[in-house]
Amino acid sequence: MASNIGINDSTAAGQTVMHLHIHLIPRYDGDQPEPRGGVRWIFHDKAA
């Protein structure tokens, strides 16, 4: 198994509540047809 880790650290990076918040997203071979693009592009309908 692989994973993506996403952290927004500071308002310049999009953090709105100042606390530690980490997204750990498990990834599997074939879970997306094109897995490049990092955390935001795992769910293409939510990326924009």
N, C-alpha and C. Protein backbone atom coordinates (compact mmCIF):
# COMPACT_ATOMS: atom_id res chain seq x y z
N MET A 1 0.84 -1.18 0.00
CA MET A 1 0.00 0.00 0.00
C MET A 1 0.88 1.24 0.00
N ALA A 2 0.40 2.27 -0.63
CA ALA A 2 1.05 3.58 -0.65
C ALA A 2 0.08 4.59 -0.04
N SER A 3 0.51 5.82 0.12
CA SER A 3 -0.40 6.84 0.64
C SER A 3 0.04 8.22 0.19
N ASN A 4 -0.92 9.14 0.19
CA ASN A 4 -0.65 10.57 0.02
C ASN A 4 -0.85 11.20 1.39
N ILE A 5 -0.01 12.17 1.71
CA ILE A 5 -0.14 12.92 2.95
C ILE A 5 -0.28 14.39 2.57
N GLY A 6 -1.32 15.05 3.09
CA GLY A 6 -1.53 16.47 2.79
C GLY A 6 -1.63 17.28 4.07
N ILE A 7 -0.91 18.41 4.11
CA ILE A 7 -0.94 19.30 5.26
C ILE A 7 -1.05 20.73 4.75
N ASN A 8 -2.01 21.49 5.27
CA ASN A 8 -2.07 22.93 5.00
C ASN A 8 -1.51 23.62 6.24
N ASP A 9 -0.38 24.30 6.09
CA ASP A 9 0.30 24.92 7.22
C ASP A 9 0.41 26.42 6.99
N SER A 10 -0.42 27.20 7.59
CA SER A 10 -0.49 28.66 7.58
C SER A 10 -1.58 29.14 6.61
N THR A 11 -1.98 30.36 6.79
CA THR A 11 -3.04 30.92 5.94
C THR A 11 -2.60 30.99 4.47
N ALA A 12 -1.31 31.20 4.22
CA ALA A 12 -0.82 31.25 2.84
C ALA A 12 -1.02 29.91 2.13
N ALA A 13 -1.07 28.82 2.89
CA ALA A 13 -1.27 27.49 2.32
C ALA A 13 -2.72 27.04 2.36
N GLY A 14 -3.61 27.92 2.83
CA GLY A 14 -5.03 27.59 2.85
C GLY A 14 -5.57 27.15 4.19
N GLN A 15 -4.76 27.18 5.24
CA GLN A 15 -5.24 26.77 6.56
C GLN A 15 -6.16 27.86 7.11
N THR A 16 -7.33 27.48 7.62
CA THR A 16 -8.28 28.44 8.15
C THR A 16 -8.43 28.35 9.67
N VAL A 17 -8.14 27.19 10.25
CA VAL A 17 -8.16 27.01 11.70
C VAL A 17 -6.76 26.56 12.10
N MET A 18 -6.12 27.32 12.96
CA MET A 18 -4.71 27.05 13.29
C MET A 18 -4.59 25.87 14.26
N HIS A 19 -4.44 24.69 13.71
CA HIS A 19 -4.22 23.46 14.47
C HIS A 19 -3.57 22.45 13.54
N LEU A 20 -3.04 21.39 14.10
CA LEU A 20 -2.45 20.34 13.28
C LEU A 20 -3.56 19.53 12.63
N HIS A 21 -3.52 19.43 11.33
CA HIS A 21 -4.55 18.70 10.57
C HIS A 21 -3.84 18.02 9.41
N ILE A 22 -3.82 16.71 9.42
CA ILE A 22 -3.13 15.95 8.39
C ILE A 22 -4.11 15.01 7.70
N HIS A 23 -4.08 15.01 6.38
CA HIS A 23 -4.86 14.05 5.60
C HIS A 23 -3.94 12.91 5.22
N LEU A 24 -4.25 11.72 5.63
CA LEU A 24 -3.53 10.51 5.24
C LEU A 24 -4.48 9.69 4.40
N ILE A 25 -4.18 9.58 3.11
CA ILE A 25 -5.09 8.94 2.17
C ILE A 25 -4.43 7.69 1.62
N PRO A 26 -4.96 6.52 1.98
CA PRO A 26 -4.37 5.28 1.45
C PRO A 26 -4.60 5.18 -0.05
N ARG A 27 -3.61 4.65 -0.76
CA ARG A 27 -3.69 4.51 -2.21
C ARG A 27 -3.36 3.08 -2.60
N TYR A 28 -3.98 2.62 -3.67
CA TYR A 28 -3.79 1.26 -4.15
C TYR A 28 -3.58 1.29 -5.66
N ASP A 29 -2.80 0.36 -6.17
CA ASP A 29 -2.62 0.27 -7.62
C ASP A 29 -3.98 0.16 -8.29
N GLY A 30 -4.22 1.05 -9.26
CA GLY A 30 -5.48 1.01 -10.02
C GLY A 30 -6.62 1.78 -9.38
N ASP A 31 -6.41 2.46 -8.24
CA ASP A 31 -7.53 3.18 -7.63
C ASP A 31 -7.94 4.42 -8.43
N GLN A 32 -7.03 4.92 -9.27
CA GLN A 32 -7.33 6.02 -10.20
C GLN A 32 -6.64 5.72 -11.51
N PRO A 33 -7.27 6.05 -12.63
CA PRO A 33 -6.63 5.78 -13.92
C PRO A 33 -5.35 6.60 -14.11
N GLU A 34 -5.29 7.80 -13.54
CA GLU A 34 -4.11 8.67 -13.65
C GLU A 34 -3.81 9.22 -12.26
N PRO A 35 -2.92 8.58 -11.49
CA PRO A 35 -2.72 8.97 -10.09
C PRO A 35 -1.85 10.20 -9.86
N ARG A 36 -1.26 10.78 -10.92
CA ARG A 36 -0.41 11.96 -10.72
C ARG A 36 -1.24 13.17 -10.31
N GLY A 37 -0.62 14.09 -9.61
CA GLY A 37 -1.28 15.34 -9.26
C GLY A 37 -1.45 15.55 -7.77
N GLY A 38 -1.06 14.59 -6.97
CA GLY A 38 -1.08 14.78 -5.52
C GLY A 38 -2.45 14.65 -4.90
N VAL A 39 -2.55 15.14 -3.69
CA VAL A 39 -3.74 14.95 -2.86
C VAL A 39 -4.99 15.55 -3.51
N ARG A 40 -4.89 16.76 -4.03
CA ARG A 40 -6.08 17.43 -4.56
C ARG A 40 -6.71 16.67 -5.73
N TRP A 41 -5.91 15.98 -6.52
CA TRP A 41 -6.43 15.33 -7.72
C TRP A 41 -6.79 13.87 -7.51
N ILE A 42 -6.80 13.38 -6.29
CA ILE A 42 -7.26 12.01 -6.06
C ILE A 42 -8.74 11.91 -6.41
N PHE A 43 -9.52 12.93 -6.04
CA PHE A 43 -10.95 12.99 -6.35
C PHE A 43 -11.16 14.14 -7.33
N HIS A 44 -11.14 13.84 -8.60
CA HIS A 44 -11.16 14.86 -9.64
C HIS A 44 -12.37 15.79 -9.55
N ASP A 45 -13.53 15.27 -9.14
CA ASP A 45 -14.72 16.11 -9.05
C ASP A 45 -14.63 17.13 -7.93
N LYS A 46 -13.69 16.97 -7.00
CA LYS A 46 -13.53 17.92 -5.89
C LYS A 46 -12.29 18.80 -6.04
N ALA A 47 -11.54 18.65 -7.13
CA ALA A 47 -10.24 19.30 -7.27
C ALA A 47 -10.33 20.81 -7.54
N ALA A 48 -11.29 21.22 -8.30
CA ALA A 48 -11.36 22.64 -8.68
C ALA A 48 -11.76 23.53 -7.51
